[in-house]
Amino acid sequence: MFKKAQHIDSAFKLIRGFSVVLVIATLCICGFALYENHLVTQEANRRIFILANGKALEAFAADRKDNIPVEARDHITMFHHDFFTLDPDEKVITENISRALYLADASAKKQYDNLKEKGYYSSLISGNISQHIHVDSIDVNINAYPYYFRCRATEKIIRTTSILTRSLTTEGYLRNVERSDNNPHGFLIERWTILENRDLKTETR
């Protein structure tokens, strides 16, 4: 009788131990499944489909901090392109400068006013001169806010008889602002300064 009781007690302990292990294993599997489901859901939420010209294009969402260097460089490129790409047409000049001034503070407006006062834009129109810019490199320091940048570019001033190539270097700071149609990256250029704008070579056309 005593031996039967011992067998029953041992069997009960064995079943209890097995049940505990089974419950723990079940909880681990459920936890792992929930975690994997969370990762899959998170990844799915980062995928965006954009409809363009009747076609669905896949894009990926990301945190702003992941895109700061890319967006900052594109913002700076857009500003310099609009500010320095000019043709002998008052309407084109006004439109380009207006777009550029949405991307920067009063320091850019001051540069524009100085050039306008010196008759720079009038001379472009009267001389049928076009000006184009190619941004060569942009260095952005995102370790300190506002973000300091330095931009190096090449300008080409196209006259009727010649093409003048110039080296342009500018610097400034970027601070965050609200995104808008006029400022899609949500940055504003501050304390913008032209450090260098010198002639490199002149080619005869």
N, C-alpha and C. Protein backbone atom coordinates (compact mmCIF):
# COMPACT_ATOMS: atom_id res chain seq x y z
N MET A 1 0.82 -1.20 0.00
CA MET A 1 0.00 0.00 0.00
C MET A 1 0.86 1.25 0.00
N PHE A 2 1.87 1.18 0.84
CA PHE A 2 2.79 2.31 0.94
C PHE A 2 3.52 2.54 -0.38
N LYS A 3 3.90 1.39 -1.04
CA LYS A 3 4.60 1.51 -2.33
C LYS A 3 3.69 2.13 -3.39
N LYS A 4 2.37 1.74 -3.35
CA LYS A 4 1.44 2.32 -4.31
C LYS A 4 1.33 3.83 -4.11
N ALA A 5 1.31 4.24 -2.87
CA ALA A 5 1.22 5.68 -2.57
C ALA A 5 2.45 6.41 -3.09
N GLN A 6 3.63 5.76 -2.94
CA GLN A 6 4.86 6.38 -3.44
C GLN A 6 4.82 6.51 -4.97
N HIS A 7 4.32 5.43 -5.63
CA HIS A 7 4.21 5.47 -7.10
C HIS A 7 3.26 6.58 -7.56
N ILE A 8 2.14 6.70 -6.85
CA ILE A 8 1.16 7.75 -7.20
C ILE A 8 1.79 9.13 -7.00
N ASP A 9 2.53 9.28 -5.89
CA ASP A 9 3.18 10.59 -5.60
C ASP A 9 4.23 10.91 -6.65
N SER A 10 5.01 9.88 -7.03
CA SER A 10 6.04 10.10 -8.07
C SER A 10 5.41 10.45 -9.40
N ALA A 11 4.31 9.72 -9.73
CA ALA A 11 3.62 10.00 -10.99
C ALA A 11 3.04 11.42 -10.99
N PHE A 12 2.51 11.83 -9.83
CA PHE A 12 1.95 13.18 -9.73
C PHE A 12 3.03 14.25 -9.92
N LYS A 13 4.19 14.02 -9.28
CA LYS A 13 5.31 14.96 -9.42
C LYS A 13 5.79 15.04 -10.87
N LEU A 14 5.82 13.85 -11.51
CA LEU A 14 6.26 13.81 -12.90
C LEU A 14 5.30 14.56 -13.81
N ILE A 15 3.98 14.31 -13.58
CA ILE A 15 2.97 15.01 -14.39
C ILE A 15 3.02 16.52 -14.13
N ARG A 16 3.20 16.88 -12.83
CA ARG A 16 3.28 18.30 -12.49
C ARG A 16 4.48 18.96 -13.14
N GLY A 17 5.64 18.30 -13.10
CA GLY A 17 6.84 18.84 -13.73
C GLY A 17 6.68 18.98 -15.24
N PHE A 18 6.07 17.93 -15.84
CA PHE A 18 5.85 17.98 -17.29
C PHE A 18 4.90 19.12 -17.66
N SER A 19 3.87 19.30 -16.80
CA SER A 19 2.89 20.38 -17.07
C SER A 19 3.54 21.75 -16.98
N VAL A 20 4.41 21.92 -15.97
CA VAL A 20 5.12 23.20 -15.82
C VAL A 20 5.99 23.47 -17.03
N VAL A 21 6.74 22.45 -17.46
CA VAL A 21 7.61 22.61 -18.64
C VAL A 21 6.76 22.93 -19.87
N LEU A 22 5.63 22.26 -20.01
CA LEU A 22 4.76 22.47 -21.17
C LEU A 22 4.20 23.89 -21.18
N VAL A 23 3.78 24.36 -19.97
CA VAL A 23 3.25 25.73 -19.88
C VAL A 23 4.32 26.75 -20.22
N ILE A 24 5.53 26.56 -19.68
CA ILE A 24 6.64 27.48 -19.97
C ILE A 24 6.96 27.49 -21.46
N ALA A 25 7.02 26.27 -22.05
CA ALA A 25 7.31 26.17 -23.48
C ALA A 25 6.23 26.86 -24.31
N THR A 26 4.96 26.68 -23.90
CA THR A 26 3.85 27.32 -24.61
C THR A 26 3.94 28.84 -24.52
N LEU A 27 4.26 29.34 -23.31
CA LEU A 27 4.41 30.80 -23.13
C LEU A 27 5.55 31.34 -23.99
N CYS A 28 6.66 30.60 -24.06
CA CYS A 28 7.80 31.04 -24.87
C CYS A 28 7.43 31.09 -26.35
N ILE A 29 6.71 30.05 -26.81
CA ILE A 29 6.30 30.02 -28.21
C ILE A 29 5.34 31.17 -28.52
N CYS A 30 4.40 31.42 -27.60
CA CYS A 30 3.45 32.53 -27.80
C CYS A 30 4.17 33.88 -27.82
N GLY A 31 5.12 34.05 -26.89
CA GLY A 31 5.89 35.29 -26.85
C GLY A 31 6.68 35.50 -28.12
N PHE A 32 7.32 34.43 -28.60
CA PHE A 32 8.10 34.53 -29.83
C PHE A 32 7.20 34.86 -31.02
N ALA A 33 6.03 34.21 -31.05
CA ALA A 33 5.09 34.46 -32.15
C ALA A 33 4.61 35.91 -32.14
N LEU A 34 4.30 36.43 -30.93
CA LEU A 34 3.87 37.83 -30.82
C LEU A 34 4.97 38.79 -31.25
N TYR A 35 6.21 38.48 -30.85
CA TYR A 35 7.35 39.33 -31.21
C TYR A 35 7.55 39.35 -32.73
N GLU A 36 7.52 38.16 -33.34
CA GLU A 36 7.68 38.07 -34.80
C GLU A 36 6.54 38.80 -35.51
N ASN A 37 5.33 38.67 -34.98
CA ASN A 37 4.18 39.36 -35.57
C ASN A 37 4.37 40.87 -35.50
N HIS A 38 4.90 41.35 -34.37
CA HIS A 38 5.16 42.78 -34.21
C HIS A 38 6.17 43.27 -35.24
N LEU A 39 7.25 42.48 -35.44
CA LEU A 39 8.27 42.86 -36.42
C LEU A 39 7.71 42.91 -37.83
N VAL A 40 6.90 41.91 -38.17
CA VAL A 40 6.29 41.86 -39.51
C VAL A 40 5.34 43.04 -39.71
N THR A 41 4.55 43.35 -38.69
CA THR A 41 3.61 44.48 -38.77
C THR A 41 4.36 45.80 -38.91
N GLN A 42 5.43 45.93 -38.13
CA GLN A 42 6.23 47.15 -38.19
C GLN A 42 6.84 47.33 -39.57
N GLU A 43 7.35 46.25 -40.13
CA GLU A 43 7.96 46.30 -41.47
C GLU A 43 6.91 46.63 -42.52
N ALA A 44 5.71 46.05 -42.36
CA ALA A 44 4.63 46.33 -43.32
C ALA A 44 4.20 47.79 -43.26
N ASN A 45 4.21 48.37 -42.05
CA ASN A 45 3.81 49.76 -41.89
C ASN A 45 4.83 50.72 -42.51
N ARG A 46 6.07 50.27 -42.67
CA ARG A 46 7.11 51.12 -43.26
C ARG A 46 7.04 51.12 -44.78
N ARG A 47 6.23 50.23 -45.34
CA ARG A 47 6.11 50.16 -46.79
C ARG A 47 4.94 51.02 -47.24
N ILE A 48 5.21 51.86 -48.20
CA ILE A 48 4.21 52.80 -48.70
C ILE A 48 4.10 52.60 -50.21
N PHE A 49 2.90 52.67 -50.71
CA PHE A 49 2.69 52.58 -52.16
C PHE A 49 2.18 53.93 -52.66
N ILE A 50 2.89 54.46 -53.65
CA ILE A 50 2.55 55.76 -54.22
C ILE A 50 2.00 55.52 -55.62
N LEU A 51 0.87 56.14 -55.91
CA LEU A 51 0.27 56.02 -57.24
C LEU A 51 0.77 57.16 -58.10
N ALA A 52 1.51 56.82 -59.17
CA ALA A 52 2.05 57.84 -60.08
C ALA A 52 1.82 57.39 -61.51
N ASN A 53 1.11 58.23 -62.26
CA ASN A 53 0.81 57.92 -63.66
C ASN A 53 0.15 56.55 -63.81
N GLY A 54 -0.75 56.22 -62.90
CA GLY A 54 -1.48 54.97 -62.99
C GLY A 54 -0.70 53.75 -62.55
N LYS A 55 0.51 53.94 -62.02
CA LYS A 55 1.33 52.81 -61.56
C LYS A 55 1.58 52.93 -60.06
N ALA A 56 1.52 51.79 -59.37
CA ALA A 56 1.79 51.76 -57.93
C ALA A 56 3.28 51.56 -57.72
N LEU A 57 3.92 52.54 -57.11
CA LEU A 57 5.35 52.47 -56.83
C LEU A 57 5.56 52.27 -55.34
N GLU A 58 6.44 51.36 -54.99
CA GLU A 58 6.68 51.07 -53.58
C GLU A 58 7.73 52.02 -53.02
N ALA A 59 7.46 52.56 -51.85
CA ALA A 59 8.42 53.41 -51.15
C ALA A 59 8.52 52.91 -49.72
N PHE A 60 9.49 53.39 -48.99
CA PHE A 60 9.70 52.94 -47.61
C PHE A 60 9.71 54.14 -46.68
N ALA A 61 8.95 54.05 -45.60
CA ALA A 61 8.93 55.11 -44.60
C ALA A 61 10.13 54.95 -43.68
N ALA A 62 10.62 56.07 -43.17
CA ALA A 62 11.76 56.03 -42.25
C ALA A 62 11.66 57.21 -41.30
N ASP A 63 12.33 57.09 -40.16
CA ASP A 63 12.36 58.20 -39.22
C ASP A 63 13.15 59.36 -39.83
N ARG A 64 12.77 60.58 -39.46
CA ARG A 64 13.43 61.76 -40.02
C ARG A 64 14.92 61.75 -39.73
N LYS A 65 15.30 61.29 -38.54
CA LYS A 65 16.71 61.32 -38.18
C LYS A 65 17.55 60.44 -39.10
N ASP A 66 16.93 59.40 -39.67
CA ASP A 66 17.66 58.54 -40.59
C ASP A 66 17.95 59.23 -41.91
N ASN A 67 17.12 60.23 -42.25
CA ASN A 67 17.23 60.88 -43.55
C ASN A 67 17.82 62.28 -43.49
N ILE A 68 18.23 62.75 -42.32
CA ILE A 68 18.70 64.13 -42.20
C ILE A 68 19.84 64.45 -43.18
N PRO A 69 20.91 63.63 -43.26
CA PRO A 69 22.00 63.99 -44.20
C PRO A 69 21.53 64.07 -45.65
N VAL A 70 20.70 63.11 -46.07
CA VAL A 70 20.22 63.09 -47.46
C VAL A 70 19.31 64.29 -47.74
N GLU A 71 18.34 64.52 -46.85
CA GLU A 71 17.41 65.64 -47.05
C GLU A 71 18.12 66.98 -46.95
N ALA A 72 19.08 67.08 -46.04
CA ALA A 72 19.82 68.34 -45.89
C ALA A 72 20.60 68.66 -47.17
N ARG A 73 21.28 67.66 -47.72
CA ARG A 73 22.05 67.90 -48.95
C ARG A 73 21.13 68.28 -50.11
N ASP A 74 19.97 67.63 -50.18
CA ASP A 74 19.05 67.95 -51.27
C ASP A 74 18.47 69.35 -51.10
N HIS A 75 18.19 69.73 -49.87
CA HIS A 75 17.69 71.08 -49.58
C HIS A 75 18.71 72.13 -50.01
N ILE A 76 19.95 71.91 -49.65
CA ILE A 76 21.03 72.84 -49.98
C ILE A 76 21.22 72.90 -51.50
N THR A 77 21.15 71.74 -52.15
CA THR A 77 21.30 71.70 -53.61
C THR A 77 20.17 72.48 -54.28
N MET A 78 18.92 72.26 -53.82
CA MET A 78 17.77 72.97 -54.39
C MET A 78 17.94 74.48 -54.24
N PHE A 79 18.37 74.91 -53.06
CA PHE A 79 18.53 76.35 -52.82
C PHE A 79 19.57 76.94 -53.77
N HIS A 80 20.73 76.31 -53.86
CA HIS A 80 21.79 76.85 -54.71
C HIS A 80 21.39 76.81 -56.19
N HIS A 81 20.70 75.74 -56.59
CA HIS A 81 20.25 75.65 -57.98
C HIS A 81 19.30 76.80 -58.31
N ASP A 82 18.32 77.04 -57.43
CA ASP A 82 17.35 78.10 -57.70
C ASP A 82 17.97 79.49 -57.59
N PHE A 83 18.90 79.67 -56.69
CA PHE A 83 19.49 80.99 -56.49
C PHE A 83 20.47 81.36 -57.60
N PHE A 84 21.18 80.37 -58.13
CA PHE A 84 22.25 80.67 -59.09
C PHE A 84 21.95 80.25 -60.53
N THR A 85 20.85 79.54 -60.78
CA THR A 85 20.49 79.19 -62.14
C THR A 85 19.59 80.30 -62.69
N LEU A 86 20.15 81.08 -63.61
CA LEU A 86 19.47 82.26 -64.10
C LEU A 86 19.57 82.34 -65.62
N ASP A 87 18.53 82.86 -66.23
CA ASP A 87 18.52 83.10 -67.67
C ASP A 87 18.13 84.55 -67.92
N PRO A 88 18.41 85.05 -69.12
CA PRO A 88 18.11 86.46 -69.40
C PRO A 88 16.62 86.73 -69.59
N ASP A 89 15.88 86.46 -68.55
CA ASP A 89 14.43 86.64 -68.56
C ASP A 89 14.02 87.04 -67.15
N GLU A 90 13.43 88.21 -67.02
CA GLU A 90 13.09 88.73 -65.70
C GLU A 90 12.14 87.80 -64.95
N LYS A 91 11.20 87.19 -65.68
CA LYS A 91 10.23 86.29 -65.05
C LYS A 91 10.92 85.04 -64.50
N VAL A 92 11.85 84.47 -65.28
CA VAL A 92 12.59 83.29 -64.83
C VAL A 92 13.42 83.61 -63.60
N ILE A 93 14.10 84.75 -63.63
CA ILE A 93 14.93 85.16 -62.50
C ILE A 93 14.08 85.32 -61.24
N THR A 94 12.94 85.99 -61.39
CA THR A 94 12.05 86.23 -60.24
C THR A 94 11.52 84.92 -59.67
N GLU A 95 11.11 84.01 -60.54
CA GLU A 95 10.57 82.73 -60.08
C GLU A 95 11.63 81.90 -59.36
N ASN A 96 12.84 81.84 -59.94
CA ASN A 96 13.91 81.05 -59.32
C ASN A 96 14.31 81.62 -57.97
N ILE A 97 14.50 82.92 -57.92
CA ILE A 97 14.91 83.56 -56.66
C ILE A 97 13.81 83.41 -55.61
N SER A 98 12.56 83.53 -56.02
CA SER A 98 11.44 83.38 -55.07
C SER A 98 11.44 81.99 -54.46
N ARG A 99 11.65 80.96 -55.29
CA ARG A 99 11.71 79.59 -54.76
C ARG A 99 12.87 79.44 -53.78
N ALA A 100 14.02 80.03 -54.14
CA ALA A 100 15.20 79.92 -53.27
C ALA A 100 14.98 80.60 -51.93
N LEU A 101 14.30 81.75 -51.94
CA LEU A 101 14.14 82.52 -50.70
C LEU A 101 13.19 81.85 -49.71
N TYR A 102 12.35 80.91 -50.18
CA TYR A 102 11.53 80.12 -49.27
C TYR A 102 12.39 79.15 -48.45
N LEU A 103 13.58 78.85 -48.95
CA LEU A 103 14.44 77.84 -48.32
C LEU A 103 15.49 78.44 -47.39
N ALA A 104 15.54 79.75 -47.28
CA ALA A 104 16.59 80.40 -46.49
C ALA A 104 16.03 81.61 -45.76
N ASP A 105 16.81 82.12 -44.82
CA ASP A 105 16.36 83.28 -44.04
C ASP A 105 16.82 84.58 -44.69
N ALA A 106 16.84 85.65 -43.91
CA ALA A 106 17.14 86.97 -44.44
C ALA A 106 18.56 87.11 -44.98
N SER A 107 19.46 86.20 -44.59
CA SER A 107 20.84 86.29 -45.09
C SER A 107 20.88 86.08 -46.60
N ALA A 108 20.01 85.21 -47.13
CA ALA A 108 19.94 85.02 -48.59
C ALA A 108 19.28 86.22 -49.26
N LYS A 109 18.25 86.76 -48.62
CA LYS A 109 17.58 87.96 -49.16
C LYS A 109 18.55 89.12 -49.23
N LYS A 110 19.44 89.21 -48.26
CA LYS A 110 20.44 90.28 -48.26
C LYS A 110 21.40 90.14 -49.43
N GLN A 111 21.84 88.90 -49.71
CA GLN A 111 22.72 88.65 -50.86
C GLN A 111 22.01 89.03 -52.17
N TYR A 112 20.74 88.64 -52.25
CA TYR A 112 19.95 88.96 -53.45
C TYR A 112 19.82 90.48 -53.62
N ASP A 113 19.50 91.19 -52.53
CA ASP A 113 19.34 92.65 -52.60
C ASP A 113 20.64 93.32 -53.02
N ASN A 114 21.77 92.82 -52.51
CA ASN A 114 23.07 93.40 -52.89
C ASN A 114 23.34 93.23 -54.37
N LEU A 115 23.08 92.03 -54.90
CA LEU A 115 23.29 91.78 -56.33
C LEU A 115 22.34 92.62 -57.18
N LYS A 116 21.10 92.73 -56.73
CA LYS A 116 20.13 93.52 -57.48
C LYS A 116 20.52 94.99 -57.49
N GLU A 117 20.99 95.49 -56.35
CA GLU A 117 21.40 96.89 -56.24
C GLU A 117 22.59 97.19 -57.15
N LYS A 118 23.47 96.20 -57.31
CA LYS A 118 24.64 96.39 -58.18
C LYS A 118 24.30 96.23 -59.66
N GLY A 119 23.03 95.89 -59.95
CA GLY A 119 22.61 95.74 -61.34
C GLY A 119 23.00 94.42 -61.96
N TYR A 120 23.25 93.39 -61.12
CA TYR A 120 23.71 92.12 -61.65
C TYR A 120 22.65 91.46 -62.52
N TYR A 121 21.42 91.44 -62.06
CA TYR A 121 20.35 90.77 -62.80
C TYR A 121 19.99 91.55 -64.07
N SER A 122 20.05 92.87 -63.99
CA SER A 122 19.79 93.69 -65.18
C SER A 122 20.83 93.43 -66.26
N SER A 123 22.10 93.24 -65.83
CA SER A 123 23.16 92.99 -66.80
C SER A 123 22.99 91.62 -67.46
N LEU A 124 22.45 90.64 -66.71
CA LEU A 124 22.17 89.33 -67.31
C LEU A 124 21.14 89.46 -68.43
N ILE A 125 20.10 90.24 -68.15
CA ILE A 125 19.03 90.40 -69.13
C ILE A 125 19.51 91.17 -70.35
N SER A 126 20.17 92.30 -70.10
CA SER A 126 20.61 93.15 -71.22
C SER A 126 21.70 92.49 -72.04
N GLY A 127 22.54 91.64 -71.41
CA GLY A 127 23.64 91.00 -72.12
C GLY A 127 23.31 89.60 -72.64
N ASN A 128 22.02 89.17 -72.47
CA ASN A 128 21.62 87.81 -72.88
C ASN A 128 22.55 86.74 -72.30
N ILE A 129 22.77 86.85 -71.00
CA ILE A 129 23.69 85.95 -70.31
C ILE A 129 22.91 84.94 -69.49
N SER A 130 23.33 83.68 -69.58
CA SER A 130 22.74 82.63 -68.75
C SER A 130 23.76 82.17 -67.72
N GLN A 131 23.25 81.76 -66.58
CA GLN A 131 24.14 81.28 -65.52
C GLN A 131 23.61 79.95 -65.00
N HIS A 132 24.48 78.96 -64.94
CA HIS A 132 24.10 77.63 -64.46
C HIS A 132 25.09 77.19 -63.39
N ILE A 133 24.62 76.33 -62.49
CA ILE A 133 25.47 75.89 -61.39
C ILE A 133 25.44 74.37 -61.29
N HIS A 134 26.57 73.80 -60.93
CA HIS A 134 26.65 72.35 -60.64
C HIS A 134 27.25 72.20 -59.25
N VAL A 135 26.49 71.61 -58.33
CA VAL A 135 26.98 71.41 -56.96
C VAL A 135 27.94 70.23 -56.96
N ASP A 136 29.17 70.47 -56.56
CA ASP A 136 30.20 69.43 -56.56
C ASP A 136 30.19 68.60 -55.28
N SER A 137 30.08 69.26 -54.14
CA SER A 137 30.07 68.53 -52.86
C SER A 137 29.41 69.37 -51.78
N ILE A 138 28.80 68.67 -50.83
CA ILE A 138 28.17 69.32 -49.68
C ILE A 138 28.57 68.56 -48.42
N ASP A 139 29.16 69.23 -47.47
CA ASP A 139 29.51 68.64 -46.18
C ASP A 139 28.53 69.16 -45.13
N VAL A 140 27.87 68.25 -44.44
CA VAL A 140 26.90 68.62 -43.41
C VAL A 140 27.30 67.97 -42.09
N ASN A 141 27.37 68.76 -41.04
CA ASN A 141 27.68 68.23 -39.70
C ASN A 141 26.38 68.11 -38.91
N ILE A 142 25.91 66.85 -38.75
CA ILE A 142 24.65 66.65 -38.03
C ILE A 142 24.87 66.33 -36.55
N ASN A 143 26.10 66.47 -36.09
CA ASN A 143 26.41 66.18 -34.69
C ASN A 143 26.09 67.36 -33.78
N ALA A 144 25.87 68.54 -34.36
CA ALA A 144 25.52 69.72 -33.57
C ALA A 144 24.37 70.44 -34.28
N TYR A 145 23.44 70.96 -33.48
CA TYR A 145 22.27 71.66 -34.04
C TYR A 145 22.34 73.13 -33.68
N PRO A 146 22.04 74.05 -34.60
CA PRO A 146 21.69 73.83 -36.01
C PRO A 146 22.85 73.23 -36.81
N TYR A 147 22.53 72.54 -37.90
CA TYR A 147 23.52 71.77 -38.65
C TYR A 147 24.34 72.68 -39.57
N TYR A 148 25.64 72.66 -39.34
CA TYR A 148 26.53 73.47 -40.18
C TYR A 148 26.76 72.76 -41.51
N PHE A 149 26.85 73.54 -42.59
CA PHE A 149 27.17 72.95 -43.89
C PHE A 149 28.14 73.84 -44.67
N ARG A 150 28.85 73.20 -45.57
CA ARG A 150 29.69 73.92 -46.53
C ARG A 150 29.43 73.32 -47.91
N CYS A 151 29.15 74.17 -48.86
CA CYS A 151 28.81 73.73 -50.22
C CYS A 151 29.87 74.23 -51.20
N ARG A 152 30.33 73.33 -52.06
CA ARG A 152 31.27 73.68 -53.13
C ARG A 152 30.61 73.40 -54.46
N ALA A 153 30.68 74.38 -55.35
CA ALA A 153 29.99 74.25 -56.63
C ALA A 153 30.79 74.92 -57.74
N THR A 154 30.37 74.64 -58.97
CA THR A 154 30.98 75.25 -60.15
C THR A 154 29.90 76.00 -60.92
N GLU A 155 30.16 77.26 -61.21
CA GLU A 155 29.23 78.07 -61.98
C GLU A 155 29.73 78.20 -63.42
N LYS A 156 28.80 78.24 -64.33
CA LYS A 156 29.13 78.55 -65.72
C LYS A 156 28.30 79.75 -66.15
N ILE A 157 28.97 80.81 -66.55
CA ILE A 157 28.31 82.02 -67.02
C ILE A 157 28.47 82.06 -68.54
N ILE A 158 27.35 81.86 -69.22
CA ILE A 158 27.37 81.69 -70.68
C ILE A 158 26.99 83.00 -71.35
N ARG A 159 27.99 83.59 -72.03
CA ARG A 159 27.77 84.81 -72.80
C ARG A 159 27.69 84.47 -74.29
N THR A 160 27.41 85.46 -75.09
CA THR A 160 27.29 85.24 -76.53
C THR A 160 28.58 84.73 -77.14
N THR A 161 29.72 85.22 -76.64
CA THR A 161 31.01 84.87 -77.25
C THR A 161 31.91 84.03 -76.35
N SER A 162 31.53 83.81 -75.09
CA SER A 162 32.42 83.08 -74.19
C SER A 162 31.65 82.38 -73.08
N ILE A 163 32.35 81.44 -72.43
CA ILE A 163 31.81 80.76 -71.25
C ILE A 163 32.81 80.93 -70.12
N LEU A 164 32.38 81.57 -69.04
CA LEU A 164 33.23 81.78 -67.87
C LEU A 164 32.89 80.73 -66.81
N THR A 165 33.91 80.02 -66.34
CA THR A 165 33.73 79.03 -65.28
C THR A 165 34.24 79.60 -63.97
N ARG A 166 33.43 79.50 -62.93
CA ARG A 166 33.79 80.06 -61.63
C ARG A 166 33.66 79.01 -60.55
N SER A 167 34.47 79.18 -59.51
CA SER A 167 34.42 78.31 -58.34
C SER A 167 33.62 79.02 -57.24
N LEU A 168 32.65 78.32 -56.68
CA LEU A 168 31.79 78.90 -55.65
C LEU A 168 31.84 78.06 -54.38
N THR A 169 32.06 78.70 -53.24
CA THR A 169 32.02 78.02 -51.94
C THR A 169 31.15 78.85 -51.00
N THR A 170 30.18 78.20 -50.38
CA THR A 170 29.32 78.89 -49.42
C THR A 170 29.23 78.07 -48.14
N GLU A 171 28.74 78.71 -47.09
CA GLU A 171 28.52 78.01 -45.83
C GLU A 171 27.29 78.58 -45.15
N GLY A 172 26.78 77.83 -44.20
CA GLY A 172 25.61 78.29 -43.47
C GLY A 172 25.18 77.23 -42.47
N TYR A 173 23.99 77.41 -41.93
CA TYR A 173 23.43 76.48 -40.94
C TYR A 173 22.00 76.12 -41.34
N LEU A 174 21.59 74.94 -40.93
CA LEU A 174 20.23 74.48 -41.18
C LEU A 174 19.49 74.30 -39.87
N ARG A 175 18.28 74.84 -39.81
CA ARG A 175 17.42 74.54 -38.66
C ARG A 175 16.11 73.95 -39.15
N ASN A 176 15.45 73.21 -38.28
CA ASN A 176 14.21 72.54 -38.65
C ASN A 176 13.03 73.51 -38.63
N VAL A 177 12.19 73.39 -39.65
CA VAL A 177 10.92 74.13 -39.71
C VAL A 177 9.85 73.16 -40.21
N GLU A 178 8.62 73.61 -40.22
CA GLU A 178 7.53 72.78 -40.73
C GLU A 178 7.67 72.57 -42.23
N ARG A 179 7.36 71.37 -42.68
CA ARG A 179 7.36 71.09 -44.12
C ARG A 179 6.17 71.80 -44.77
N SER A 180 6.37 72.18 -46.04
CA SER A 180 5.29 72.80 -46.80
C SER A 180 5.56 72.56 -48.28
N ASP A 181 4.63 72.98 -49.12
CA ASP A 181 4.83 72.84 -50.56
C ASP A 181 6.04 73.64 -51.03
N ASN A 182 6.28 74.78 -50.39
CA ASN A 182 7.42 75.61 -50.77
C ASN A 182 8.72 75.17 -50.12
N ASN A 183 8.60 74.34 -49.07
CA ASN A 183 9.79 73.87 -48.35
C ASN A 183 9.58 72.41 -47.98
N PRO A 184 9.70 71.50 -48.96
CA PRO A 184 9.35 70.09 -48.72
C PRO A 184 10.24 69.36 -47.74
N HIS A 185 11.48 69.81 -47.55
CA HIS A 185 12.40 69.10 -46.65
C HIS A 185 12.29 69.57 -45.20
N GLY A 186 11.65 70.71 -44.98
CA GLY A 186 11.48 71.18 -43.60
C GLY A 186 12.76 71.70 -42.98
N PHE A 187 13.61 72.35 -43.79
CA PHE A 187 14.82 73.00 -43.27
C PHE A 187 14.79 74.47 -43.68
N LEU A 188 15.50 75.29 -42.91
CA LEU A 188 15.70 76.69 -43.28
C LEU A 188 17.18 77.01 -43.17
N ILE A 189 17.75 77.54 -44.24
CA ILE A 189 19.16 77.93 -44.24
C ILE A 189 19.32 79.25 -43.51
N GLU A 190 20.23 79.28 -42.56
CA GLU A 190 20.51 80.50 -41.79
C GLU A 190 21.97 80.90 -41.94
N ARG A 191 22.21 82.20 -41.74
CA ARG A 191 23.58 82.76 -41.75
C ARG A 191 24.36 82.30 -42.99
N TRP A 192 23.70 82.36 -44.12
CA TRP A 192 24.31 81.92 -45.38
C TRP A 192 25.33 82.94 -45.85
N THR A 193 26.53 82.47 -46.14
CA THR A 193 27.63 83.35 -46.54
C THR A 193 28.33 82.76 -47.75
N ILE A 194 28.69 83.63 -48.69
CA ILE A 194 29.50 83.22 -49.84
C ILE A 194 30.97 83.42 -49.46
N LEU A 195 31.70 82.34 -49.34
CA LEU A 195 33.10 82.40 -48.95
C LEU A 195 34.02 82.66 -50.13
N GLU A 196 33.66 82.11 -51.30
CA GLU A 196 34.51 82.25 -52.48
C GLU A 196 33.65 82.22 -53.73
N ASN A 197 33.98 83.10 -54.66
CA ASN A 197 33.31 83.11 -55.96
C ASN A 197 34.31 83.68 -56.97
N ARG A 198 35.25 82.82 -57.38
CA ARG A 198 36.37 83.31 -58.21
C ARG A 198 36.37 82.66 -59.58
N ASP A 199 36.95 83.38 -60.54
CA ASP A 199 37.05 82.89 -61.91
C ASP A 199 38.07 81.76 -62.00
N LEU A 200 37.75 80.74 -62.76
CA LEU A 200 38.67 79.65 -63.01
C LEU A 200 39.24 79.69 -64.43
N LYS A 201 38.34 79.83 -65.42
CA LYS A 201 38.80 79.87 -66.81
C LYS A 201 37.72 80.47 -67.68
N THR A 202 38.15 80.95 -68.84
CA THR A 202 37.24 81.49 -69.84
C THR A 202 37.47 80.79 -71.16
N GLU A 203 36.39 80.29 -71.74
CA GLU A 203 36.47 79.61 -73.02
C GLU A 203 35.77 80.44 -74.09
N THR A 204 36.36 80.49 -75.27
CA THR A 204 35.73 81.21 -76.39
C THR A 204 34.75 80.28 -77.07
N ARG A 205 33.57 80.81 -77.38
CA ARG A 205 32.54 79.99 -78.04
C ARG A 205 32.70 80.07 -79.55
